Protein backbone atom coordinates (compact mmCIF):
# COMPACT_ATOMS: atom_id res chain seq x y z
CA MET A 1 0.00 0.00 0.00
CA ASN A 2 1.38 3.35 -0.99
CA LYS A 3 1.42 6.12 1.56
CA ILE A 4 1.27 9.81 0.73
CA VAL A 5 2.85 12.20 3.22
CA CYS A 6 3.31 15.86 2.35
CA SER A 7 2.77 19.38 3.56
CA ILE A 8 0.78 21.78 1.45
CA THR A 9 -0.43 25.33 1.69
CA PHE A 10 -3.60 26.94 0.55
CA GLY A 11 -1.80 28.41 -2.47
CA LEU A 12 -2.66 25.56 -4.84
CA LEU A 13 -5.73 26.17 -6.97
CA VAL A 14 -7.58 23.62 -9.03
CA ASN A 15 -10.70 23.98 -11.07
CA ILE A 16 -13.14 21.19 -10.31
CA ILE A 17 -16.67 21.25 -11.59
CA ILE A 18 -19.13 19.45 -9.31
CA ALA A 19 -22.10 18.06 -11.17
CA GLY A 20 -25.51 18.78 -9.77
CA CYS A 21 -24.85 22.37 -8.75
CA SER A 22 -26.88 23.91 -11.54
CA ASN A 23 -30.53 24.87 -11.44
CA ASN A 24 -31.69 22.40 -14.08
CA LYS A 25 -35.04 20.66 -13.90
CA THR A 26 -34.75 16.90 -13.52
CA GLY A 27 -38.37 15.96 -14.23
CA ALA A 28 -39.44 12.78 -12.48
CA GLY A 29 -35.84 11.90 -11.63
CA TYR A 30 -33.98 12.81 -8.48
CA LYS A 31 -32.80 16.31 -7.81
CA ALA A 32 -29.18 17.10 -6.85
CA LEU A 33 -29.40 14.76 -3.85
CA HIS A 34 -31.50 11.74 -2.97
CA ALA A 35 -31.94 9.21 -0.18
CA ASP A 36 -30.50 5.74 -0.78
CA GLY A 37 -30.91 3.32 2.11
CA GLN A 38 -29.26 4.91 5.15
CA TRP A 39 -27.37 7.52 3.15
CA ILE A 40 -27.96 10.76 1.30
CA LYS A 41 -26.18 10.64 -2.08
CA ASP A 42 -25.41 12.95 -4.95
CA GLN A 43 -25.80 12.31 -8.66
CA GLN A 44 -22.35 10.67 -8.82
CA GLY A 45 -23.35 8.17 -6.12
CA ARG A 46 -21.19 9.74 -3.41
CA VAL A 47 -22.41 9.79 0.18
CA VAL A 48 -23.01 13.43 1.10
CA ILE A 49 -22.58 14.63 4.67
CA LEU A 50 -24.78 17.69 5.10
CA ARG A 51 -23.70 20.36 7.57
CA GLY A 52 -25.57 23.62 7.66
CA VAL A 53 -27.78 26.11 9.45
CA ASN A 54 -31.42 26.96 9.94
CA ALA A 55 -32.36 30.28 8.38
CA GLY A 56 -33.99 31.06 10.66
CA GLY A 57 -35.78 32.78 13.49
CA ASP A 58 -36.44 35.95 11.52
CA SER A 59 -38.75 33.96 9.25
CA LYS A 60 -41.21 33.56 12.13
CA ILE A 61 -42.32 37.20 12.13
CA PRO A 62 -43.38 39.58 9.32
CA PRO A 63 -42.18 39.87 6.61
CA PHE A 64 -41.28 36.19 7.21
CA ILE A 65 -37.88 36.23 5.52
CA PRO A 66 -34.59 35.05 7.10
CA PHE A 67 -32.24 37.69 5.69
CA THR A 68 -32.33 40.76 3.49
CA SER A 69 -29.20 40.61 1.33
CA GLU A 70 -26.76 38.30 -0.41
CA THR A 71 -24.26 39.09 2.33
CA SER A 72 -25.94 36.47 4.50
CA ALA A 73 -25.70 33.80 1.81
CA GLU A 74 -22.04 34.64 1.28
CA GLN A 75 -21.38 34.47 5.02
CA ILE A 76 -23.03 31.05 5.31
CA LYS A 77 -20.96 29.84 2.36
CA SER A 78 -17.78 31.21 3.96
CA TRP A 79 -18.35 28.92 6.96
CA GLY A 80 -18.11 25.88 4.66
CA MET A 81 -21.76 24.98 5.05
CA ASN A 82 -23.33 22.98 2.25
CA LEU A 83 -26.95 23.08 3.45
CA VAL A 84 -29.60 25.54 4.63
CA ARG A 85 -32.87 24.51 6.20
CA TYR A 86 -34.91 27.41 4.91
CA VAL A 87 -37.72 28.34 7.30
CA THR A 88 -41.04 29.45 5.87
CA VAL A 89 -44.51 29.73 7.42
CA TRP A 90 -48.03 29.03 6.22
CA GLU A 91 -49.08 32.54 7.30
CA GLY A 92 -46.67 34.08 4.82
CA ILE A 93 -48.14 32.09 1.92
CA GLU A 94 -51.87 32.23 2.73
CA PRO A 95 -52.35 35.24 5.07
CA MET A 96 -56.08 35.28 4.38
CA GLU A 97 -58.21 32.27 3.57
CA ASP A 98 -57.88 31.37 -0.14
CA VAL A 99 -55.67 34.43 -0.74
CA TYR A 100 -52.10 33.55 -1.66
CA ASP A 101 -49.20 35.99 -1.48
CA THR A 102 -47.21 35.42 -4.66
CA ALA A 103 -44.89 38.31 -3.82
CA TYR A 104 -43.83 36.40 -0.70
CA LEU A 105 -43.03 33.36 -2.81
CA ASP A 106 -40.96 35.59 -5.10
CA ASP A 107 -39.05 36.90 -2.07
CA MET A 108 -38.37 33.31 -1.02
CA ALA A 109 -37.12 32.46 -4.49
CA GLN A 110 -34.74 35.41 -4.54
CA ARG A 111 -33.16 34.45 -1.22
CA ILE A 112 -33.00 30.76 -2.00
CA ASN A 113 -31.30 31.58 -5.31
CA TRP A 114 -28.66 33.53 -3.39
CA LEU A 115 -27.89 30.27 -1.60
CA THR A 116 -28.18 27.72 -4.39
CA LEU A 117 -26.16 29.76 -6.89
CA ARG A 118 -23.32 29.49 -4.36
CA GLY A 119 -23.57 25.70 -4.38
CA ILE A 120 -25.53 25.44 -1.13
CA TYR A 121 -28.24 22.80 -0.98
CA VAL A 122 -31.59 23.94 0.43
CA PHE A 123 -34.59 22.19 1.84
CA ILE A 124 -37.66 24.23 2.71
CA ASP A 125 -39.16 23.74 6.15
CA MET A 126 -42.84 24.51 6.74
CA HIS A 127 -42.29 25.84 10.23
CA GLN A 128 -44.51 26.32 13.25
CA ASP A 129 -44.21 26.84 16.99
CA LEU A 130 -47.34 26.89 19.17
CA PHE A 131 -49.37 26.75 15.95
CA ALA A 132 -49.72 30.52 15.37
CA ARG A 133 -48.27 33.93 16.23
CA GLU A 134 -51.20 34.95 18.45
CA PHE A 135 -50.17 32.14 20.81
CA CYS A 136 -46.58 33.44 21.10
CA GLY A 137 -45.51 31.21 18.24
CA ASP A 138 -45.58 31.20 14.45
CA GLY A 139 -46.84 29.18 11.53
CA ALA A 140 -50.54 29.15 10.76
CA PRO A 141 -52.44 32.29 9.75
CA GLN A 142 -54.77 33.72 12.35
CA TRP A 143 -57.86 32.58 10.48
CA ALA A 144 -56.76 28.94 10.88
CA ALA A 145 -56.33 29.14 14.68
CA THR A 146 -59.01 28.58 17.28
CA GLY A 147 -59.39 29.12 21.02
CA ASP A 148 -59.06 32.11 23.34
CA PRO A 149 -55.53 33.60 23.52
CA SER A 150 -56.30 34.97 26.99
CA GLN A 151 -56.04 31.38 28.26
CA LEU A 152 -52.35 31.12 27.38
CA SER A 153 -49.98 30.25 30.22
CA VAL A 154 -47.62 32.99 29.04
CA PRO A 155 -49.60 35.83 27.41
CA TYR A 156 -48.91 37.36 24.01
CA PRO A 157 -46.87 39.46 23.23
CA SER A 158 -44.70 39.28 26.37
CA CYS A 159 -43.77 35.61 25.88
CA GLY A 160 -39.99 35.75 25.78
CA GLN A 161 -37.82 32.68 26.27
CA ASN A 162 -40.55 30.81 28.16
CA TRP A 163 -42.73 30.73 25.06
CA PHE A 164 -42.75 26.91 24.97
CA LEU A 165 -44.74 26.82 28.23
CA ASN A 166 -47.80 27.63 26.10
CA TYR A 167 -47.88 24.22 24.41
CA PRO A 168 -50.31 22.65 26.94
CA SER A 169 -52.48 25.80 26.98
CA PRO A 170 -56.12 25.36 25.86
CA PRO A 171 -55.99 27.48 22.67
CA VAL A 172 -52.82 25.76 21.44
CA SER A 173 -54.19 22.31 22.19
CA GLN A 174 -57.53 23.18 20.58
CA SER A 175 -55.90 24.56 17.44
CA PHE A 176 -53.72 21.50 16.93
CA THR A 177 -56.58 19.10 17.63
CA LYS A 178 -58.73 20.88 15.06
CA PHE A 179 -55.94 20.85 12.50
CA TRP A 180 -55.25 17.10 12.85
CA THR A 181 -58.95 16.25 12.51
CA ASP A 182 -60.18 18.85 9.98
CA THR A 183 -59.47 17.69 6.44
CA ALA A 184 -60.70 20.97 4.96
CA LEU A 185 -58.17 22.93 7.05
CA GLN A 186 -55.44 20.50 6.10
CA SER A 187 -56.32 21.06 2.45
CA HIS A 188 -55.48 24.75 2.81
CA PHE A 189 -52.08 23.84 4.28
CA ILE A 190 -51.47 21.30 1.51
CA ASN A 191 -52.46 23.73 -1.24
CA ALA A 192 -50.01 26.28 0.17
CA PHE A 193 -47.30 23.63 0.18
CA LYS A 194 -48.05 22.72 -3.42
CA LEU A 195 -47.43 26.33 -4.40
CA ILE A 196 -43.99 26.12 -2.79
CA ALA A 197 -43.16 22.85 -4.55
CA LYS A 198 -44.33 24.26 -7.88
CA LYS A 199 -42.23 27.39 -7.32
CA PHE A 200 -39.01 25.47 -6.64
CA ARG A 201 -39.32 22.30 -8.71
CA ASP A 202 -37.01 23.73 -11.38
CA ASN A 203 -34.21 24.51 -8.91
CA ASN A 204 -32.15 21.33 -8.76
CA MET A 205 -30.37 22.51 -5.61
CA VAL A 206 -33.63 22.86 -3.67
CA ILE A 207 -33.36 19.22 -2.80
CA GLY A 208 -36.64 18.90 -0.93
CA TYR A 209 -39.16 19.94 1.68
CA GLU A 210 -39.86 19.32 5.35
CA ILE A 211 -43.53 18.63 5.98
CA PHE A 212 -44.13 20.08 9.46
CA ASN A 213 -41.84 21.44 12.16
CA GLU A 214 -42.09 19.84 15.62
CA PRO A 215 -45.61 18.35 15.45
CA TRP A 216 -47.64 18.75 18.65
CA ASN A 217 -50.27 16.16 19.55
CA GLY A 218 -53.19 18.28 20.77
CA VAL A 219 -55.48 16.14 22.98
CA PHE A 220 -54.23 12.80 21.67
CA THR A 221 -51.73 10.47 23.31
CA PRO A 222 -48.34 10.58 21.58
CA SER A 223 -48.54 7.08 20.11
CA THR A 224 -52.14 7.53 18.92
CA PHE A 225 -51.22 10.87 17.44
CA GLU A 226 -48.24 9.54 15.48
CA GLN A 227 -49.99 6.43 14.20
CA VAL A 228 -53.58 7.59 13.63
CA TYR A 229 -53.25 11.26 12.74
CA LEU A 230 -49.69 12.29 11.86
CA THR A 231 -48.86 9.40 9.52
CA PRO A 232 -51.92 9.76 7.25
CA PHE A 233 -51.31 13.53 7.15
CA TYR A 234 -47.69 12.99 6.14
CA LYS A 235 -48.73 10.63 3.37
CA LYS A 236 -51.18 13.17 1.96
CA VAL A 237 -48.59 15.95 1.99
CA ILE A 238 -45.95 13.72 0.38
CA ASN A 239 -48.31 12.86 -2.47
CA ALA A 240 -49.24 16.52 -2.92
CA ILE A 241 -45.63 17.73 -2.98
CA ARG A 242 -44.60 15.05 -5.43
CA SER A 243 -47.46 15.93 -7.74
CA GLU A 244 -45.53 19.18 -8.28
CA ASP A 245 -41.90 18.16 -7.63
CA PRO A 246 -41.56 14.38 -8.13
CA GLY A 247 -37.80 14.18 -7.47
CA ALA A 248 -37.84 16.00 -4.14
CA VAL A 249 -36.46 14.55 -0.92
CA ILE A 250 -39.08 14.64 1.85
CA PHE A 251 -37.86 15.44 5.36
CA PHE A 252 -40.09 14.52 8.29
CA GLU A 253 -40.12 14.58 12.08
CA PRO A 254 -41.74 12.55 14.84
CA TYR A 255 -43.96 13.95 17.60
CA VAL A 256 -41.87 16.75 19.06
CA LEU A 257 -41.24 15.09 22.44
CA ALA A 258 -40.29 11.76 20.85
CA ALA A 259 -37.16 12.89 19.03
CA GLY A 260 -34.89 10.04 20.10
CA ILE A 261 -35.37 10.14 23.88
CA PRO A 262 -38.04 8.71 24.20
CA GLN A 263 -38.27 6.72 20.99
CA SER A 264 -40.92 7.62 18.44
CA SER A 265 -43.90 5.39 17.57
CA LEU A 266 -44.08 6.71 14.01
CA PRO A 267 -44.69 3.84 11.56
CA GLY A 268 -43.30 3.60 8.05
CA LEU A 269 -44.63 6.11 5.54
CA GLY A 270 -44.61 3.78 2.54
CA ALA A 271 -42.53 6.24 0.53
CA SER A 272 -39.01 6.36 -0.85
CA ASN A 273 -36.53 9.24 -1.00
CA ILE A 274 -37.35 10.40 2.53
CA VAL A 275 -35.14 11.55 5.44
CA TYR A 276 -35.90 11.23 9.14
CA ALA A 277 -35.01 14.64 10.62
CA PRO A 278 -35.83 15.02 14.32
CA HIS A 279 -34.46 17.70 16.65
CA TYR A 280 -32.57 17.43 19.90
CA TYR A 281 -31.73 20.08 22.47
CA VAL A 282 -30.09 18.86 25.64
CA PRO A 283 -31.95 19.86 28.84
CA GLY A 284 -31.14 23.47 29.63
CA ALA A 285 -29.76 24.26 26.16
CA LEU A 286 -32.60 26.69 25.42
CA THR A 287 -32.30 28.56 28.72
CA GLY A 288 -28.54 28.58 29.35
CA GLY A 289 -28.72 26.05 32.18
CA VAL A 290 -26.21 23.44 30.96
CA SER A 291 -23.73 23.19 33.82
CA ASP A 292 -22.16 19.85 32.88
CA PRO A 293 -21.34 19.74 29.15
CA ALA A 294 -19.72 16.29 29.40
CA SER A 295 -22.93 14.75 30.72
CA ALA A 296 -24.96 16.66 28.14
CA ILE A 297 -22.75 15.39 25.31
CA SER A 298 -23.25 11.85 26.56
CA GLY A 299 -26.98 12.49 26.25
CA ILE A 300 -26.48 13.65 22.64
CA ASP A 301 -24.63 10.41 21.91
CA GLN A 302 -27.50 8.40 23.38
CA ASP A 303 -30.10 10.39 21.46
CA LEU A 304 -28.35 10.06 18.12
CA THR A 305 -28.07 6.32 18.67
CA LEU A 306 -31.85 6.12 19.05
CA VAL A 307 -32.39 8.44 16.08
CA GLN A 308 -30.30 6.17 13.89
CA GLN A 309 -32.15 3.10 15.13
CA LYS A 310 -35.47 4.71 14.23
CA ALA A 311 -34.17 5.77 10.83
CA VAL A 312 -33.14 2.17 10.10
CA GLU A 313 -36.60 1.04 11.15
CA LEU A 314 -38.16 3.61 8.80
CA GLY A 315 -35.76 2.74 5.97
CA SER A 316 -34.33 6.23 5.61
CA PRO A 317 -31.21 8.29 6.34
CA ALA A 318 -31.17 10.45 9.47
CA LEU A 319 -30.36 14.14 9.79
CA LEU A 320 -30.44 16.26 12.95
CA GLY A 321 -32.72 19.07 11.85
CA GLU A 322 -32.17 21.34 14.84
CA PHE A 323 -29.69 21.59 17.69
CA GLY A 324 -27.95 24.44 19.46
CA ALA A 325 -27.51 26.30 22.73
CA TYR A 326 -28.23 29.59 24.49
CA PRO A 327 -26.61 31.94 25.34
CA VAL A 328 -24.04 32.09 22.57
CA THR A 329 -21.25 33.58 24.67
CA THR A 330 -20.59 31.02 27.41
CA THR A 331 -17.64 28.63 27.59
CA ASN A 332 -20.02 25.78 28.39
CA GLY A 333 -22.05 26.67 25.33
CA LEU A 334 -18.98 26.46 23.08
CA SER A 335 -18.08 23.08 24.56
CA LEU A 336 -21.63 21.89 24.03
CA ILE A 337 -21.65 22.95 20.36
CA GLN A 338 -18.32 21.19 19.80
CA GLY A 339 -19.84 18.14 21.47
CA TYR A 340 -22.83 18.19 19.14
CA TYR A 341 -20.54 18.18 16.10
CA ASN A 342 -18.27 15.51 17.59
CA MET A 343 -21.31 13.28 18.05
CA LEU A 344 -22.57 13.98 14.53
CA ASP A 345 -19.14 12.86 13.30
CA LYS A 346 -19.26 9.75 15.48
CA HIS A 347 -22.67 8.81 14.09
CA LEU A 348 -21.78 9.76 10.48
CA MET A 349 -24.71 12.19 10.39
CA GLY A 350 -25.52 15.57 8.99
CA GLY A 351 -27.24 18.38 10.84
CA THR A 352 -28.43 21.98 10.71
CA ILE A 353 -27.72 24.15 13.73
CA TRP A 354 -30.28 26.66 15.04
CA ASP A 355 -29.89 29.35 13.76
CA TYR A 356 -29.06 32.26 11.43
CA ALA A 357 -31.11 35.37 12.31
CA ALA A 358 -29.65 38.84 12.01
CA GLU A 359 -32.49 40.50 13.92
CA ASP A 360 -32.91 37.56 16.33
CA THR A 361 -35.96 39.16 17.98
CA TRP A 362 -38.42 36.25 18.01
CA ASN A 363 -39.15 35.74 21.73
CA ASN A 364 -35.65 37.05 22.52
CA GLU A 365 -34.34 33.63 21.53
CA GLY A 366 -30.70 34.74 21.34
CA MET A 367 -29.38 31.64 19.54
CA SER A 368 -28.29 33.21 16.26
CA LEU A 369 -24.75 32.73 14.98
CA VAL A 370 -24.60 36.42 14.03
CA ASN A 371 -25.25 39.79 15.66
CA PRO A 372 -27.52 42.44 14.11
CA ASP A 373 -24.46 44.01 12.45
CA MET A 374 -23.72 40.59 10.85
CA SER A 375 -20.59 40.07 12.95
CA GLU A 376 -20.02 36.53 14.14
CA ARG A 377 -20.96 35.37 17.60
CA PRO A 378 -18.45 33.07 19.38
CA TYR A 379 -20.24 29.83 18.46
CA VAL A 380 -19.11 30.20 14.86
CA ASN A 381 -15.61 29.12 15.85
CA ALA A 382 -17.09 25.83 17.05
CA VAL A 383 -19.26 25.46 13.95
CA VAL A 384 -16.54 26.01 11.33
CA ARG A 385 -14.60 22.74 11.23
CA PRO A 386 -13.46 20.16 8.68
CA TYR A 387 -15.90 17.51 7.49
CA PRO A 388 -16.34 15.29 4.42
CA MET A 389 -18.77 16.99 2.07
CA ALA A 390 -18.93 14.09 -0.39
CA ILE A 391 -17.42 10.60 -0.04
CA ALA A 392 -16.63 8.25 -2.92
CA GLY A 393 -17.81 5.26 -0.94
CA ILE A 394 -19.43 4.42 2.37
CA PRO A 395 -18.01 6.20 5.45
CA THR A 396 -17.01 4.09 8.42
CA SER A 397 -15.34 6.72 10.61
CA ILE A 398 -15.22 10.53 10.84
CA SER A 399 -13.39 12.36 13.59
CA PHE A 400 -12.01 15.81 14.36
CA SER A 401 -10.24 17.14 17.44
CA PRO A 402 -10.89 20.87 18.00
CA ALA A 403 -7.94 20.88 20.41
CA THR A 404 -5.32 19.57 17.96
CA GLY A 405 -6.89 20.21 14.56
CA GLU A 406 -6.47 16.53 13.63
CA PHE A 407 -9.10 15.24 11.18
CA SER A 408 -9.55 11.72 9.86
CA LEU A 409 -11.91 9.95 7.48
CA GLU A 410 -12.19 6.25 6.74
CA PHE A 411 -14.45 4.79 4.09
CA ASP A 412 -15.09 1.68 2.08
CA GLY A 413 -14.47 2.43 -1.58
CA THR A 414 -16.71 1.80 -4.55
CA ARG A 415 -16.25 2.27 -8.27
CA ILE A 416 -17.18 5.95 -8.07
CA THR A 417 -14.70 8.04 -10.04
CA ALA A 418 -15.69 11.44 -8.62
CA PRO A 419 -13.35 12.62 -5.84
CA THR A 420 -14.00 12.62 -2.12
CA ILE A 421 -14.37 16.26 -1.02
CA ILE A 422 -13.29 17.43 2.44
CA TYR A 423 -13.84 20.92 3.75
CA ILE A 424 -10.61 22.30 5.26
CA PRO A 425 -11.35 25.75 6.74
CA PRO A 426 -8.47 28.23 6.63
CA ARG A 427 -9.34 29.48 10.13
CA VAL A 428 -8.57 25.99 11.46
CA TYR A 429 -5.48 25.55 9.25
CA PRO A 430 -4.02 29.07 8.80
CA ASN A 431 -0.55 27.74 7.92
CA GLY A 432 -1.70 24.91 5.67
CA ILE A 433 -2.16 21.20 6.20
CA SER A 434 -0.20 17.98 6.33
CA VAL A 435 -1.88 14.99 4.72
CA GLN A 436 -1.45 11.25 5.16
CA ALA A 437 -3.57 8.94 3.06
CA SER A 438 -3.98 5.48 1.66
CA GLY A 439 -3.22 5.17 -2.04
CA GLY A 440 -4.46 8.11 -4.02
CA ILE A 441 -3.88 11.69 -5.04
CA TYR A 442 -5.26 14.93 -3.68
CA THR A 443 -5.45 18.60 -4.57
CA THR A 444 -6.79 21.64 -2.74
CA ASP A 445 -8.75 24.71 -3.75
CA THR A 446 -7.98 27.84 -1.76
CA THR A 447 -11.12 29.58 -2.99
CA SER A 448 -13.52 27.00 -1.62
CA GLY A 449 -11.31 25.65 1.17
CA GLU A 450 -11.83 22.12 -0.13
CA LEU A 451 -9.57 19.12 -0.56
CA TYR A 452 -10.24 16.65 -3.39
CA PHE A 453 -9.04 13.09 -2.79
CA THR A 454 -9.10 10.54 -5.59
CA THR A 455 -8.22 6.98 -4.64
CA THR A 456 -6.07 4.76 -6.81
CA GLY A 457 -5.42 1.04 -7.04
CA SER A 458 -7.66 -1.82 -5.98
CA VAL A 459 -7.68 -1.11 -2.22
CA GLN A 460 -11.23 -1.20 -0.89
CA LYS A 461 -10.68 0.48 2.49
CA HIS A 462 -9.47 4.05 2.28
CA TRP A 463 -8.37 6.60 4.83
CA ILE A 464 -7.08 10.14 4.92
CA ARG A 465 -5.72 12.11 7.88
CA ILE A 466 -5.23 15.86 7.96
CA SER A 467 -3.28 17.84 10.53
CA PRO A 468 -2.28 21.52 10.76
CA VAL A 469 1.13 22.76 9.78
CA PRO A 470 2.59 24.55 12.86
């Protein structure tokens, strides 16, 4: 076995064209990415590890858009992210019953194009919290809600960071119960979603859609809700989306309190090209109360194990749709974010951190990666790290040490000729990198901060290790 050992700097440029980054319509075929067994793959058959951000909290309030200029898209790209979970809300699309805001859809398209033209994959999340804004949340238009807002546990508009305490409140429970049992109301939601799918079916880099953020069960028991109400609803929405965008990946979540710990009762959806995408916030992460990061990280490990088990049961890949911590300035918070990414590496999973919001005013959430002046908050230094963006085979091990800068990837090779792509951020490797690898050749691109590794010979098990030059 040949061994490559050399030191390189970021001065070497290569021009590599990655197929699937255009905005071409693919008809009934897959878009730029698709689900294949337990993996998400690109059009060359490479396993793609998706690492990105939710954009974001600003989409929860009028005018329901996550950012106002291309600067945000460029900033997200500069962090090496290859995915954005783009947050939209039903209220923005159908503010009044049977009245659809096409200008809002145009605004979405402009912002999503800023991302996809930079080679960033996007999936569009139909978001909600507490069903509607009048309940201290977001999502449904006011005309679709029911119940008396005066019965909220935490009144509107002074909700703040305790907004989630309103979930068991009568109006929230009543609104969800009505939605899960009212087929006419669901039809409005589905028709709004079809407009989104129709709008973005021609953008190959809009890889898919997430059906419903953090579903709440209303008056039903969790298992009854998932099996009797949520599953049939998901199937209807999947069919509706694919009537407009047949090649789209469908992302879906379990009942919000069954995202790993405890395990979900969601049955199979009877559909292909789907991704199981639950969320997980360690206890205290939303309120700044994580005093023992090591124990919390152990909980993340346990949760991701259960998430993967459920994904296998459902016959789909897994992706952690939301994770994060508040406040964004604490040492414990930085350790926790590093722990999240270390566990994603361990479990060979992708994920989208919460969140990117320049205004960051929704309920004073305070979890954005940027300040109002677009400057970075400290968490960004934990978020920007090396990872394999595309692997010419099946990954068996991914690891990175924030303390030493050592990165390693192991994978079982296939006959894929496209290179393995690894993101190597200059802020982690300011003086360049040293590379050791099994048989193969590699080049780097200083513009993108990417390393391209092409294996050679008949060896089936490949590895590459990257370390910083002092």
